[in-house]
Amino acid sequence: MTRTRVLAAAAAIVGTTAALLAPATTAHAAGSIHLYRVYYDSPGSDTGSNTSLNAEYVQIHNSHSYAVQLQGYTVRDNAGYTYTFPSYKISAGKTVKVHTGKGTKEAGHLYWGRTWYVWNNTDDKATLRKPSGTIVDTCSYNSSASDYKMC
């Protein structure tokens, strides 16, 4: 092997090792609208009461340094149940919960208006899309060991 090839091979190994040892970064670091948590198993028995339905929710977080209008964004599960955001401005650094049941829109809380659960207790996938249909974020879980999944 020539000296040039040895040096090239060594450089490739060093580059690969450096990439493996580099700290992990998240896609959310630069500022984004993203899924934060899916609380898929409301406490107690699944009775279908509005209180139980509203204890099931998905949280959306704005890590931008500015407010974002969410009107037209959607969140959906694997079965295709889709929530379309009404006019709602999420402030910089804030989170909004989209509750499964019925309620009145207020700061930090929106309501899907459903009469039965959306998120499966053992596995599902939340997908957040822009009004254009572009996928912004996804969050999957496959566990019944917890009541929620941090995304």
N, C-alpha and C. Protein backbone atom coordinates (compact mmCIF):
# COMPACT_ATOMS: atom_id res chain seq x y z
N MET A 1 0.84 -1.17 0.00
CA MET A 1 0.00 0.00 0.00
C MET A 1 0.89 1.24 0.00
N THR A 2 0.56 2.21 -0.82
CA THR A 2 1.37 3.42 -0.88
C THR A 2 1.06 4.31 0.31
N ARG A 3 2.00 5.21 0.54
CA ARG A 3 1.83 6.15 1.66
C ARG A 3 0.56 6.98 1.50
N THR A 4 0.22 7.39 0.28
CA THR A 4 -0.98 8.19 0.02
C THR A 4 -2.24 7.41 0.39
N ARG A 5 -2.28 6.12 0.02
CA ARG A 5 -3.44 5.30 0.35
C ARG A 5 -3.56 5.09 1.85
N VAL A 6 -2.44 4.90 2.54
CA VAL A 6 -2.46 4.72 3.99
C VAL A 6 -2.99 5.99 4.66
N LEU A 7 -2.49 7.14 4.21
CA LEU A 7 -2.97 8.41 4.79
C LEU A 7 -4.45 8.62 4.50
N ALA A 8 -4.91 8.29 3.31
CA ALA A 8 -6.33 8.43 2.96
C ALA A 8 -7.18 7.51 3.82
N ALA A 9 -6.73 6.27 4.02
CA ALA A 9 -7.47 5.32 4.86
C ALA A 9 -7.51 5.80 6.30
N ALA A 10 -6.39 6.32 6.80
CA ALA A 10 -6.35 6.82 8.18
C ALA A 10 -7.29 8.01 8.34
N ALA A 11 -7.31 8.90 7.35
CA ALA A 11 -8.20 10.07 7.41
C ALA A 11 -9.67 9.62 7.41
N ALA A 12 -9.99 8.61 6.63
CA ALA A 12 -11.36 8.11 6.59
C ALA A 12 -11.76 7.52 7.94
N ILE A 13 -10.85 6.80 8.56
CA ILE A 13 -11.14 6.21 9.88
C ILE A 13 -11.33 7.30 10.92
N VAL A 14 -10.45 8.30 10.91
CA VAL A 14 -10.56 9.41 11.87
C VAL A 14 -11.88 10.15 11.65
N GLY A 15 -12.25 10.42 10.41
CA GLY A 15 -13.51 11.11 10.12
C GLY A 15 -14.72 10.33 10.58
N THR A 16 -14.72 9.03 10.35
CA THR A 16 -15.83 8.18 10.78
C THR A 16 -15.92 8.14 12.30
N THR A 17 -14.77 7.99 12.96
CA THR A 17 -14.74 7.95 14.43
C THR A 17 -15.23 9.28 15.00
N ALA A 18 -14.80 10.39 14.42
CA ALA A 18 -15.24 11.70 14.91
C ALA A 18 -16.74 11.85 14.76
N ALA A 19 -17.30 11.38 13.64
CA ALA A 19 -18.74 11.47 13.44
C ALA A 19 -19.49 10.63 14.46
N LEU A 20 -18.95 9.47 14.79
CA LEU A 20 -19.61 8.60 15.79
C LEU A 20 -19.54 9.19 17.18
N LEU A 21 -18.47 9.91 17.49
CA LEU A 21 -18.30 10.47 18.83
C LEU A 21 -18.90 11.85 18.99
N ALA A 22 -19.31 12.47 17.90
CA ALA A 22 -19.91 13.81 17.97
C ALA A 22 -21.20 13.75 18.76
N PRO A 23 -21.50 14.79 19.54
CA PRO A 23 -22.75 14.78 20.31
C PRO A 23 -23.95 14.75 19.39
N ALA A 24 -24.97 14.03 19.82
CA ALA A 24 -26.20 13.94 19.04
C ALA A 24 -26.90 15.28 19.03
N THR A 25 -27.48 15.62 17.90
CA THR A 25 -28.27 16.84 17.80
C THR A 25 -29.69 16.46 17.47
N THR A 26 -30.61 17.32 17.84
CA THR A 26 -32.00 17.05 17.53
C THR A 26 -32.43 17.94 16.38
N ALA A 27 -33.43 17.48 15.67
CA ALA A 27 -33.97 18.27 14.57
C ALA A 27 -34.66 19.51 15.10
N HIS A 28 -34.98 19.56 16.37
CA HIS A 28 -35.72 20.66 16.96
C HIS A 28 -34.82 21.79 17.44
N ALA A 29 -33.51 21.59 17.41
CA ALA A 29 -32.57 22.55 17.98
C ALA A 29 -32.62 23.92 17.32
N ALA A 30 -32.83 23.98 16.01
CA ALA A 30 -32.77 25.25 15.29
C ALA A 30 -34.06 26.06 15.40
N GLY A 31 -35.06 25.53 16.04
CA GLY A 31 -36.34 26.20 16.15
C GLY A 31 -37.33 25.60 15.18
N SER A 32 -38.44 25.17 15.71
CA SER A 32 -39.43 24.51 14.87
C SER A 32 -40.77 24.41 15.60
N ILE A 33 -41.76 24.00 14.85
CA ILE A 33 -43.03 23.55 15.42
C ILE A 33 -42.93 22.04 15.40
N HIS A 34 -43.08 21.39 16.54
CA HIS A 34 -42.91 19.94 16.56
C HIS A 34 -43.78 19.27 17.62
N LEU A 35 -43.96 17.98 17.43
CA LEU A 35 -44.66 17.16 18.41
C LEU A 35 -43.79 17.09 19.66
N TYR A 36 -44.40 17.27 20.80
CA TYR A 36 -43.67 17.29 22.06
C TYR A 36 -43.99 16.05 22.91
N ARG A 37 -45.27 15.70 22.98
CA ARG A 37 -45.70 14.56 23.79
C ARG A 37 -47.03 14.04 23.27
N VAL A 38 -47.19 12.71 23.33
CA VAL A 38 -48.49 12.09 23.07
C VAL A 38 -48.89 11.39 24.36
N TYR A 39 -49.94 11.88 24.99
CA TYR A 39 -50.46 11.26 26.21
C TYR A 39 -51.58 10.34 25.75
N TYR A 40 -51.21 9.09 25.46
CA TYR A 40 -52.11 8.16 24.77
C TYR A 40 -52.98 7.30 25.66
N ASP A 41 -52.72 7.26 26.94
CA ASP A 41 -53.52 6.41 27.83
C ASP A 41 -53.98 7.24 29.02
N SER A 42 -55.19 7.77 28.92
CA SER A 42 -55.71 8.60 30.01
C SER A 42 -55.83 7.77 31.28
N PRO A 43 -55.68 8.40 32.44
CA PRO A 43 -55.72 7.68 33.71
C PRO A 43 -57.06 6.95 33.92
N GLY A 44 -57.01 5.81 34.57
CA GLY A 44 -58.23 5.07 34.90
C GLY A 44 -58.75 4.26 33.73
N SER A 45 -59.97 3.83 33.87
CA SER A 45 -60.62 3.03 32.82
C SER A 45 -61.03 3.92 31.65
N ASP A 46 -61.00 3.34 30.47
CA ASP A 46 -61.42 4.05 29.27
C ASP A 46 -62.95 4.00 29.17
N THR A 47 -63.59 4.93 29.87
CA THR A 47 -65.05 4.95 29.96
C THR A 47 -65.70 5.72 28.82
N GLY A 48 -64.92 6.54 28.14
CA GLY A 48 -65.48 7.36 27.07
C GLY A 48 -66.08 8.66 27.58
N SER A 49 -65.96 8.93 28.87
CA SER A 49 -66.47 10.20 29.40
C SER A 49 -65.63 11.34 28.83
N ASN A 50 -66.18 12.52 28.75
CA ASN A 50 -65.44 13.66 28.21
C ASN A 50 -64.19 13.95 29.04
N THR A 51 -64.28 13.77 30.36
CA THR A 51 -63.13 13.98 31.23
C THR A 51 -62.01 13.00 30.86
N SER A 52 -62.36 11.74 30.65
CA SER A 52 -61.38 10.73 30.26
C SER A 52 -60.81 11.03 28.87
N LEU A 53 -61.67 11.41 27.94
CA LEU A 53 -61.21 11.74 26.59
C LEU A 53 -60.24 12.92 26.59
N ASN A 54 -60.51 13.91 27.43
CA ASN A 54 -59.65 15.09 27.46
C ASN A 54 -58.34 14.86 28.20
N ALA A 55 -58.23 13.73 28.92
CA ALA A 55 -56.96 13.37 29.55
C ALA A 55 -56.05 12.67 28.53
N GLU A 56 -56.56 12.42 27.33
CA GLU A 56 -55.77 11.92 26.20
C GLU A 56 -55.52 13.13 25.30
N TYR A 57 -54.26 13.37 24.97
CA TYR A 57 -53.95 14.55 24.16
C TYR A 57 -52.59 14.41 23.48
N VAL A 58 -52.38 15.28 22.51
CA VAL A 58 -51.08 15.43 21.88
C VAL A 58 -50.64 16.87 22.11
N GLN A 59 -49.36 17.06 22.42
CA GLN A 59 -48.84 18.41 22.64
C GLN A 59 -47.95 18.82 21.48
N ILE A 60 -48.11 20.06 21.06
CA ILE A 60 -47.30 20.66 20.01
C ILE A 60 -46.48 21.78 20.67
N HIS A 61 -45.20 21.84 20.35
CA HIS A 61 -44.31 22.85 20.95
C HIS A 61 -43.74 23.76 19.87
N ASN A 62 -43.64 25.04 20.18
CA ASN A 62 -43.02 26.02 19.30
C ASN A 62 -41.66 26.39 19.88
N SER A 63 -40.59 25.89 19.28
CA SER A 63 -39.25 26.24 19.78
C SER A 63 -38.63 27.39 18.99
N HIS A 64 -39.43 28.03 18.13
CA HIS A 64 -38.98 29.25 17.45
C HIS A 64 -38.90 30.39 18.45
N SER A 65 -38.24 31.46 18.06
CA SER A 65 -38.16 32.66 18.90
C SER A 65 -39.28 33.64 18.54
N TYR A 66 -40.27 33.16 17.80
CA TYR A 66 -41.40 33.99 17.40
C TYR A 66 -42.68 33.15 17.38
N ALA A 67 -43.83 33.83 17.42
CA ALA A 67 -45.12 33.14 17.39
C ALA A 67 -45.39 32.59 16.00
N VAL A 68 -46.17 31.49 15.95
CA VAL A 68 -46.52 30.86 14.68
C VAL A 68 -48.02 30.61 14.64
N GLN A 69 -48.64 30.94 13.51
CA GLN A 69 -50.07 30.67 13.29
C GLN A 69 -50.21 29.21 12.84
N LEU A 70 -51.00 28.43 13.57
CA LEU A 70 -51.16 27.01 13.28
C LEU A 70 -52.37 26.70 12.40
N GLN A 71 -53.16 27.69 12.04
CA GLN A 71 -54.38 27.44 11.26
C GLN A 71 -54.05 26.61 10.02
N GLY A 72 -54.79 25.50 9.86
CA GLY A 72 -54.60 24.62 8.71
C GLY A 72 -53.61 23.50 8.93
N TYR A 73 -52.77 23.58 9.96
CA TYR A 73 -51.90 22.46 10.30
C TYR A 73 -52.80 21.28 10.68
N THR A 74 -52.31 20.07 10.53
CA THR A 74 -53.07 18.90 10.96
C THR A 74 -52.20 17.97 11.79
N VAL A 75 -52.87 17.21 12.65
CA VAL A 75 -52.22 16.11 13.36
C VAL A 75 -53.12 14.90 13.16
N ARG A 76 -52.51 13.75 12.87
CA ARG A 76 -53.31 12.55 12.63
C ARG A 76 -52.62 11.33 13.19
N ASP A 77 -53.42 10.29 13.42
CA ASP A 77 -52.87 9.03 13.91
C ASP A 77 -52.76 8.05 12.74
N ASN A 78 -52.30 6.83 13.03
CA ASN A 78 -52.14 5.81 11.98
C ASN A 78 -53.45 5.40 11.33
N ALA A 79 -54.55 5.46 12.07
CA ALA A 79 -55.85 5.07 11.52
C ALA A 79 -56.44 6.14 10.60
N GLY A 80 -55.84 7.33 10.60
CA GLY A 80 -56.31 8.40 9.73
C GLY A 80 -57.18 9.44 10.40
N TYR A 81 -57.40 9.31 11.73
CA TYR A 81 -58.17 10.33 12.44
C TYR A 81 -57.35 11.62 12.39
N THR A 82 -57.96 12.67 11.89
CA THR A 82 -57.23 13.91 11.63
C THR A 82 -57.88 15.10 12.33
N TYR A 83 -57.04 15.87 13.00
CA TYR A 83 -57.46 17.14 13.62
C TYR A 83 -56.85 18.25 12.80
N THR A 84 -57.68 19.21 12.39
CA THR A 84 -57.19 20.39 11.66
C THR A 84 -57.25 21.58 12.61
N PHE A 85 -56.12 22.24 12.75
CA PHE A 85 -56.05 23.37 13.67
C PHE A 85 -56.89 24.54 13.17
N PRO A 86 -57.66 25.14 14.09
CA PRO A 86 -58.38 26.38 13.76
C PRO A 86 -57.38 27.53 13.81
N SER A 87 -57.85 28.74 13.69
CA SER A 87 -56.97 29.88 13.88
C SER A 87 -56.46 29.84 15.32
N TYR A 88 -55.15 29.66 15.46
CA TYR A 88 -54.53 29.58 16.78
C TYR A 88 -53.07 29.96 16.63
N LYS A 89 -52.68 30.99 17.35
CA LYS A 89 -51.29 31.44 17.32
C LYS A 89 -50.59 30.91 18.56
N ILE A 90 -49.52 30.13 18.34
CA ILE A 90 -48.74 29.58 19.46
C ILE A 90 -47.52 30.49 19.64
N SER A 91 -47.38 31.01 20.83
CA SER A 91 -46.29 31.93 21.13
C SER A 91 -44.95 31.21 21.17
N ALA A 92 -43.89 31.98 21.03
CA ALA A 92 -42.53 31.45 21.08
C ALA A 92 -42.30 30.70 22.39
N GLY A 93 -41.76 29.50 22.30
CA GLY A 93 -41.42 28.72 23.49
C GLY A 93 -42.61 28.08 24.18
N LYS A 94 -43.80 28.19 23.64
CA LYS A 94 -45.01 27.66 24.29
C LYS A 94 -45.44 26.33 23.69
N THR A 95 -46.33 25.65 24.43
CA THR A 95 -46.87 24.36 24.04
C THR A 95 -48.39 24.44 24.06
N VAL A 96 -49.03 23.74 23.13
CA VAL A 96 -50.50 23.65 23.12
C VAL A 96 -50.88 22.17 23.16
N LYS A 97 -51.88 21.86 23.99
CA LYS A 97 -52.41 20.50 24.06
C LYS A 97 -53.65 20.42 23.18
N VAL A 98 -53.71 19.38 22.35
CA VAL A 98 -54.91 19.09 21.57
C VAL A 98 -55.57 17.90 22.25
N HIS A 99 -56.61 18.19 23.04
CA HIS A 99 -57.36 17.17 23.77
C HIS A 99 -58.29 16.43 22.82
N THR A 100 -58.50 15.15 23.07
CA THR A 100 -59.36 14.33 22.21
C THR A 100 -60.83 14.71 22.31
N GLY A 101 -61.30 15.04 23.50
CA GLY A 101 -62.73 15.30 23.73
C GLY A 101 -63.17 16.70 23.35
N LYS A 102 -64.29 17.11 23.98
CA LYS A 102 -64.91 18.41 23.70
C LYS A 102 -64.51 19.43 24.75
N GLY A 103 -64.47 20.69 24.34
CA GLY A 103 -64.14 21.76 25.26
C GLY A 103 -64.11 23.08 24.52
N THR A 104 -63.76 24.12 25.21
CA THR A 104 -63.69 25.46 24.64
C THR A 104 -62.24 25.87 24.46
N LYS A 105 -61.90 26.28 23.26
CA LYS A 105 -60.54 26.72 22.94
C LYS A 105 -60.11 27.81 23.92
N GLU A 106 -58.90 27.66 24.45
CA GLU A 106 -58.31 28.67 25.33
C GLU A 106 -56.80 28.58 25.18
N ALA A 107 -56.08 29.51 25.76
CA ALA A 107 -54.62 29.52 25.66
C ALA A 107 -54.05 28.19 26.14
N GLY A 108 -53.31 27.53 25.27
CA GLY A 108 -52.65 26.27 25.62
C GLY A 108 -53.52 25.03 25.48
N HIS A 109 -54.80 25.19 25.10
CA HIS A 109 -55.71 24.05 25.03
C HIS A 109 -56.65 24.16 23.83
N LEU A 110 -56.63 23.12 23.00
CA LEU A 110 -57.56 22.99 21.89
C LEU A 110 -58.27 21.65 22.05
N TYR A 111 -59.42 21.49 21.39
CA TYR A 111 -60.24 20.29 21.58
C TYR A 111 -60.66 19.71 20.23
N TRP A 112 -60.43 18.42 20.09
CA TRP A 112 -60.72 17.68 18.85
C TRP A 112 -62.23 17.50 18.68
N GLY A 113 -62.95 17.36 19.80
CA GLY A 113 -64.41 17.22 19.74
C GLY A 113 -64.88 15.80 19.47
N ARG A 114 -64.04 14.83 19.70
CA ARG A 114 -64.41 13.44 19.44
C ARG A 114 -65.17 12.84 20.62
N THR A 115 -65.90 11.77 20.34
CA THR A 115 -66.66 11.08 21.38
C THR A 115 -66.05 9.72 21.73
N TRP A 116 -64.88 9.41 21.14
CA TRP A 116 -64.14 8.21 21.51
C TRP A 116 -62.66 8.47 21.30
N TYR A 117 -61.82 7.64 21.85
CA TYR A 117 -60.38 7.82 21.88
C TYR A 117 -59.76 7.77 20.48
N VAL A 118 -58.64 8.45 20.32
CA VAL A 118 -57.89 8.46 19.07
C VAL A 118 -56.63 7.60 19.20
N TRP A 119 -55.85 7.86 20.24
CA TRP A 119 -54.52 7.27 20.36
C TRP A 119 -54.60 5.88 20.98
N ASN A 120 -54.07 4.88 20.27
CA ASN A 120 -54.05 3.51 20.78
C ASN A 120 -53.17 3.44 22.02
N ASN A 121 -53.54 2.60 22.97
CA ASN A 121 -52.81 2.49 24.23
C ASN A 121 -51.50 1.73 24.11
N THR A 122 -51.29 0.99 23.03
CA THR A 122 -50.08 0.19 22.91
C THR A 122 -49.13 0.66 21.80
N ASP A 123 -49.66 1.13 20.69
CA ASP A 123 -48.80 1.62 19.63
C ASP A 123 -49.60 2.49 18.66
N ASP A 124 -48.93 3.52 18.17
CA ASP A 124 -49.56 4.43 17.22
C ASP A 124 -48.48 5.38 16.72
N LYS A 125 -48.87 6.27 15.84
CA LYS A 125 -47.94 7.27 15.31
C LYS A 125 -48.68 8.56 15.08
N ALA A 126 -48.16 9.64 15.63
CA ALA A 126 -48.70 10.98 15.41
C ALA A 126 -47.91 11.63 14.28
N THR A 127 -48.63 12.27 13.36
CA THR A 127 -47.98 12.97 12.26
C THR A 127 -48.51 14.40 12.23
N LEU A 128 -47.59 15.35 12.26
CA LEU A 128 -47.92 16.77 12.20
C LEU A 128 -47.55 17.28 10.81
N ARG A 129 -48.53 17.94 10.16
CA ARG A 129 -48.31 18.46 8.80
C ARG A 129 -48.66 19.94 8.72
N LYS A 130 -47.96 20.62 7.83
CA LYS A 130 -48.28 22.00 7.49
C LYS A 130 -49.54 22.00 6.64
N PRO A 131 -50.18 23.17 6.46
CA PRO A 131 -51.37 23.25 5.60
C PRO A 131 -51.10 22.76 4.17
N SER A 132 -49.87 22.86 3.72
CA SER A 132 -49.50 22.41 2.37
C SER A 132 -49.44 20.89 2.27
N GLY A 133 -49.48 20.20 3.42
CA GLY A 133 -49.38 18.74 3.44
C GLY A 133 -47.98 18.24 3.77
N THR A 134 -47.01 19.14 3.81
CA THR A 134 -45.64 18.77 4.14
C THR A 134 -45.57 18.25 5.57
N ILE A 135 -44.93 17.11 5.76
CA ILE A 135 -44.76 16.56 7.11
C ILE A 135 -43.75 17.40 7.87
N VAL A 136 -44.17 17.85 9.05
CA VAL A 136 -43.32 18.66 9.92
C VAL A 136 -42.60 17.76 10.92
N ASP A 137 -43.33 16.78 11.47
CA ASP A 137 -42.76 15.91 12.50
C ASP A 137 -43.62 14.67 12.64
N THR A 138 -43.02 13.60 13.14
CA THR A 138 -43.75 12.38 13.49
C THR A 138 -43.27 11.91 14.85
N CYS A 139 -44.12 11.15 15.53
CA CYS A 139 -43.77 10.60 16.84
C CYS A 139 -44.47 9.25 16.96
N SER A 140 -43.69 8.18 17.03
CA SER A 140 -44.23 6.83 17.14
C SER A 140 -43.97 6.28 18.53
N TYR A 141 -44.85 5.39 18.96
CA TYR A 141 -44.62 4.67 20.21
C TYR A 141 -45.11 3.25 20.05
N ASN A 142 -44.52 2.37 20.82
CA ASN A 142 -44.87 0.95 20.77
C ASN A 142 -44.65 0.38 22.16
N SER A 143 -45.48 0.81 23.11
CA SER A 143 -45.29 0.39 24.48
C SER A 143 -46.55 0.65 25.28
N SER A 144 -46.80 -0.22 26.21
CA SER A 144 -47.87 0.06 27.17
C SER A 144 -47.25 0.23 28.55
N ALA A 145 -45.92 0.41 28.59
CA ALA A 145 -45.21 0.56 29.86
C ALA A 145 -45.42 1.94 30.47
N SER A 146 -45.94 2.88 29.71
CA SER A 146 -46.14 4.25 30.18
C SER A 146 -47.48 4.74 29.69
N ASP A 147 -47.86 5.92 30.13
CA ASP A 147 -49.10 6.55 29.68
C ASP A 147 -48.86 7.55 28.56
N TYR A 148 -47.59 7.88 28.33
CA TYR A 148 -47.28 8.91 27.34
C TYR A 148 -45.93 8.64 26.67
N LYS A 149 -45.72 9.33 25.57
CA LYS A 149 -44.47 9.25 24.83
C LYS A 149 -43.95 10.67 24.64
N MET A 150 -42.73 10.93 25.11
CA MET A 150 -42.06 12.19 24.82
C MET A 150 -41.48 12.07 23.42
N CYS A 151 -41.73 13.06 22.61
CA CYS A 151 -41.28 12.98 21.21
C CYS A 151 -39.94 13.67 21.02
